[in-house]
Amino acid sequence: MYFWFWFSVLAEIGILPLYFWSLEHTKLEQKFGQEKGTKIGNLLGLISGWGFFGFMFGIWLSPQPRYTIPIFENLFLLIPVIDFQIPLVHLIIFIPLIIVVLWFSFKGVAEVTLKVAETHRADKVITTGVYSIIRHPQYFGALLAYLAISILLSALFATLLTPFMAVYIYLISWKEEKELVKEFGRDYEDYKAKVPMFIPKLKL
């Protein structure tokens, strides 16, 4: 029962080592040579990055119990093409969350480029724009998106899994920062000291 849900969760866990290996640029280059090591790291980054989002969709869309937040619980938005009802209160919660998600995610990708976002290989420490208020805007956006879409789809197991996803995304960020310190040294240490990891810094 709930095979696809648990398959997606285990697959998400299974790609975590690939994500970690994709970040170990120096080790890969030492082991396979610079050109081959770079290609392997980029490939692992693409597989793990797209796998992360792919299996997240599996968690959302797999058969599981549905729920309704008990406010306006008799009001639904019907999507006729797929015959799916969305509780109105879930949509109301979803909209502001997804606006925040889109802003942080698109700003983050725009400032590091799509290539860096996909391959996890930064050329320099970026400290401007959205990166001046938060160190991981894309991961912050991914966590909010996970919660927002879980609520929108009324997916009970997915919503309850939010703390697990928070830990998962933290581990990715922690590993990424560990490797960035190795690559950029004091520059990244100074950046870490000034900018929060996940809670955006309010500029006064």
Protein backbone atom coordinates (compact mmCIF):
# COMPACT_ATOMS: atom_id res chain seq x y z
CA MET A 1 0.00 0.00 0.00
CA TYR A 2 1.26 3.50 -0.91
CA PHE A 3 4.07 1.85 -2.90
CA TRP A 4 4.76 4.85 -5.16
CA PHE A 5 4.93 7.25 -2.23
CA TRP A 6 7.52 5.19 -0.38
CA PHE A 7 9.39 4.42 -3.61
CA SER A 8 9.70 8.17 -4.25
CA VAL A 9 10.87 8.84 -0.68
CA LEU A 10 13.52 6.08 -0.82
CA ALA A 11 14.63 7.20 -4.29
CA GLU A 12 15.00 10.78 -2.95
CA ILE A 13 17.19 9.46 -0.16
CA GLY A 14 19.11 7.31 -2.65
CA ILE A 15 20.22 10.25 -4.78
CA LEU A 16 21.67 12.13 -1.80
CA PRO A 17 25.12 10.46 -2.16
CA LEU A 18 25.14 11.46 -5.85
CA TYR A 19 24.41 15.04 -4.80
CA PHE A 20 27.27 14.91 -2.32
CA TRP A 21 29.71 13.43 -4.85
CA SER A 22 28.77 16.07 -7.42
CA LEU A 23 30.03 18.72 -4.99
CA GLU A 24 33.43 17.13 -4.40
CA HIS A 25 35.09 18.80 -7.37
CA THR A 26 38.65 18.59 -6.03
CA LYS A 27 38.44 14.88 -5.17
CA LEU A 28 36.93 14.00 -8.55
CA GLU A 29 39.62 15.94 -10.41
CA GLN A 30 42.40 14.37 -8.34
CA LYS A 31 41.03 10.88 -8.99
CA PHE A 32 40.07 11.16 -12.67
CA GLY A 33 42.04 14.17 -13.93
CA GLN A 34 40.72 17.69 -14.36
CA GLU A 35 38.77 17.24 -17.61
CA LYS A 36 37.23 13.86 -16.80
CA GLY A 37 36.63 14.77 -13.15
CA THR A 38 34.81 17.94 -14.21
CA LYS A 39 32.60 15.98 -16.63
CA ILE A 40 31.78 13.36 -13.99
CA GLY A 41 30.96 16.04 -11.42
CA ASN A 42 28.74 17.91 -13.88
CA LEU A 43 26.92 14.70 -14.84
CA LEU A 44 26.36 13.76 -11.20
CA GLY A 45 25.08 17.28 -10.59
CA LEU A 46 22.57 17.06 -13.43
CA ILE A 47 21.34 13.60 -12.41
CA SER A 48 21.02 14.42 -8.72
CA GLY A 49 19.56 17.89 -9.28
CA TRP A 50 16.84 16.81 -11.68
CA GLY A 51 16.31 13.61 -9.69
CA PHE A 52 15.73 15.68 -6.56
CA PHE A 53 12.85 17.53 -8.21
CA GLY A 54 11.58 14.47 -10.09
CA PHE A 55 11.21 12.35 -6.99
CA MET A 56 9.68 15.31 -5.18
CA PHE A 57 6.92 15.24 -7.79
CA GLY A 58 6.57 11.52 -7.08
CA ILE A 59 6.06 12.28 -3.39
CA TRP A 60 3.38 14.87 -4.21
CA LEU A 61 1.49 12.95 -6.86
CA SER A 62 1.58 9.40 -5.51
CA PRO A 63 -1.69 8.02 -4.07
CA GLN A 64 -2.04 8.99 -0.40
CA PRO A 65 -4.72 10.26 2.02
CA ARG A 66 -6.08 13.74 1.32
CA TYR A 67 -7.03 16.30 3.96
CA THR A 68 -8.70 19.68 4.29
CA ILE A 69 -7.73 22.46 6.66
CA PRO A 70 -10.96 23.07 8.61
CA ILE A 71 -11.57 26.64 7.41
CA PHE A 72 -14.06 27.21 4.57
CA GLU A 73 -13.91 23.44 4.24
CA ASN A 74 -16.99 23.32 2.01
CA LEU A 75 -15.47 25.69 -0.58
CA PHE A 76 -13.50 24.04 -3.39
CA LEU A 77 -11.95 24.97 -6.71
CA LEU A 78 -12.75 22.28 -9.25
CA ILE A 79 -10.25 21.51 -12.02
CA PRO A 80 -12.56 19.82 -14.56
CA VAL A 81 -9.94 18.40 -16.94
CA ILE A 82 -8.53 16.08 -14.26
CA ASP A 83 -11.62 16.12 -12.02
CA PHE A 84 -9.61 17.34 -9.02
CA GLN A 85 -10.91 19.53 -6.21
CA ILE A 86 -8.63 21.97 -4.38
CA PRO A 87 -9.93 23.30 -1.04
CA LEU A 88 -10.14 27.09 -1.34
CA VAL A 89 -8.17 27.68 1.88
CA HIS A 90 -5.33 25.51 0.52
CA LEU A 91 -5.20 27.69 -2.60
CA ILE A 92 -5.18 30.85 -0.47
CA ILE A 93 -2.18 29.52 1.50
CA PHE A 94 -0.44 28.33 -1.67
CA ILE A 95 -0.51 31.61 -3.64
CA PRO A 96 1.64 33.84 -1.35
CA LEU A 97 4.05 30.96 -0.67
CA ILE A 98 4.59 30.25 -4.36
CA ILE A 99 5.14 33.96 -5.11
CA VAL A 100 7.96 33.97 -2.54
CA VAL A 101 9.29 30.70 -3.99
CA LEU A 102 9.39 32.06 -7.54
CA TRP A 103 11.11 35.28 -6.51
CA PHE A 104 13.88 33.60 -4.52
CA SER A 105 14.35 30.75 -6.98
CA PHE A 106 14.49 32.84 -10.15
CA LYS A 107 16.68 35.48 -8.53
CA GLY A 108 19.04 32.78 -7.28
CA VAL A 109 19.35 31.07 -10.67
CA ALA A 110 19.68 34.36 -12.55
CA GLU A 111 22.58 35.49 -10.40
CA VAL A 112 24.60 32.23 -10.51
CA THR A 113 23.44 31.13 -14.04
CA LEU A 114 21.50 27.97 -14.87
CA LYS A 115 24.71 26.05 -15.58
CA VAL A 116 26.03 26.59 -12.05
CA ALA A 117 22.60 25.77 -10.59
CA GLU A 118 22.50 22.47 -12.49
CA THR A 119 26.11 21.33 -12.09
CA HIS A 120 26.77 22.74 -8.57
CA ARG A 121 30.12 24.16 -9.78
CA ALA A 122 30.55 27.81 -8.79
CA ASP A 123 33.25 30.00 -10.36
CA LYS A 124 33.27 32.57 -7.57
CA VAL A 125 31.57 33.59 -4.34
CA ILE A 126 28.53 35.70 -5.20
CA THR A 127 27.57 38.14 -2.47
CA THR A 128 25.29 40.56 -4.32
CA GLY A 129 21.58 40.66 -5.06
CA VAL A 130 19.53 37.96 -3.35
CA TYR A 131 22.78 36.35 -2.15
CA SER A 132 23.37 39.38 0.06
CA ILE A 133 20.34 38.44 2.21
CA ILE A 134 20.42 34.62 2.12
CA ARG A 135 23.12 32.06 1.25
CA HIS A 136 20.84 29.48 -0.36
CA PRO A 137 17.88 31.19 -2.06
CA GLN A 138 17.18 28.21 -4.33
CA TYR A 139 17.14 25.67 -1.50
CA PHE A 140 15.01 28.03 0.59
CA GLY A 141 12.64 28.28 -2.38
CA ALA A 142 12.66 24.50 -2.84
CA LEU A 143 11.58 23.93 0.77
CA LEU A 144 8.79 26.51 0.57
CA ALA A 145 7.69 25.05 -2.78
CA TYR A 146 7.60 21.58 -1.28
CA LEU A 147 5.31 22.75 1.54
CA ALA A 148 3.17 24.94 -0.73
CA ILE A 149 2.48 22.24 -3.32
CA SER A 150 1.89 19.59 -0.63
CA ILE A 151 -0.81 21.85 0.83
CA LEU A 152 -2.25 22.74 -2.59
CA LEU A 153 -2.64 19.05 -3.49
CA SER A 154 -3.96 18.19 0.01
CA ALA A 155 -1.31 15.44 0.10
CA LEU A 156 -1.28 14.30 3.74
CA PHE A 157 1.88 12.15 3.72
CA ALA A 158 3.79 14.74 1.71
CA THR A 159 2.79 17.53 4.11
CA LEU A 160 3.78 15.43 7.14
CA LEU A 161 7.13 14.78 5.45
CA THR A 162 8.02 18.51 5.44
CA PRO A 163 10.40 18.28 8.47
CA PHE A 164 12.25 15.44 6.71
CA MET A 165 12.60 17.59 3.58
CA ALA A 166 13.89 20.47 5.71
CA VAL A 167 16.63 18.20 7.13
CA TYR A 168 17.35 16.83 3.64
CA ILE A 169 17.78 20.32 2.16
CA TYR A 170 19.88 21.39 5.14
CA LEU A 171 22.25 18.43 4.55
CA ILE A 172 22.65 19.40 0.89
CA SER A 173 23.39 22.99 1.87
CA TRP A 174 25.81 21.93 4.63
CA LYS A 175 27.75 19.71 2.23
CA GLU A 176 27.81 22.40 -0.44
CA GLU A 177 29.19 24.93 2.01
CA LYS A 178 31.82 22.50 3.23
CA GLU A 179 33.12 22.14 -0.33
CA LEU A 180 32.84 25.87 -1.04
CA VAL A 181 35.07 26.61 1.95
CA LYS A 182 37.65 24.18 0.51
CA GLU A 183 37.50 25.89 -2.87
CA PHE A 184 37.23 29.56 -1.88
CA GLY A 185 38.68 29.58 1.65
CA ARG A 186 38.49 32.85 3.54
CA ASP A 187 36.22 34.48 0.94
CA TYR A 188 33.45 32.02 1.67
CA GLU A 189 34.11 31.98 5.42
CA ASP A 190 33.67 35.77 5.48
CA TYR A 191 30.50 35.47 3.44
CA LYS A 192 29.09 32.85 5.85
CA ALA A 193 29.78 35.16 8.78
CA LYS A 194 27.75 37.98 7.22
CA VAL A 195 24.78 36.29 5.54
CA PRO A 196 22.31 33.80 7.08
CA MET A 197 21.92 30.32 5.61
CA PHE A 198 18.13 30.04 5.27
CA ILE A 199 16.35 32.89 7.04
CA PRO A 200 16.55 35.97 4.80
CA LYS A 201 18.30 38.93 6.40
CA LEU A 202 16.11 42.00 6.54
CA LYS A 203 17.96 45.07 5.32
CA LEU A 204 17.29 48.12 7.45
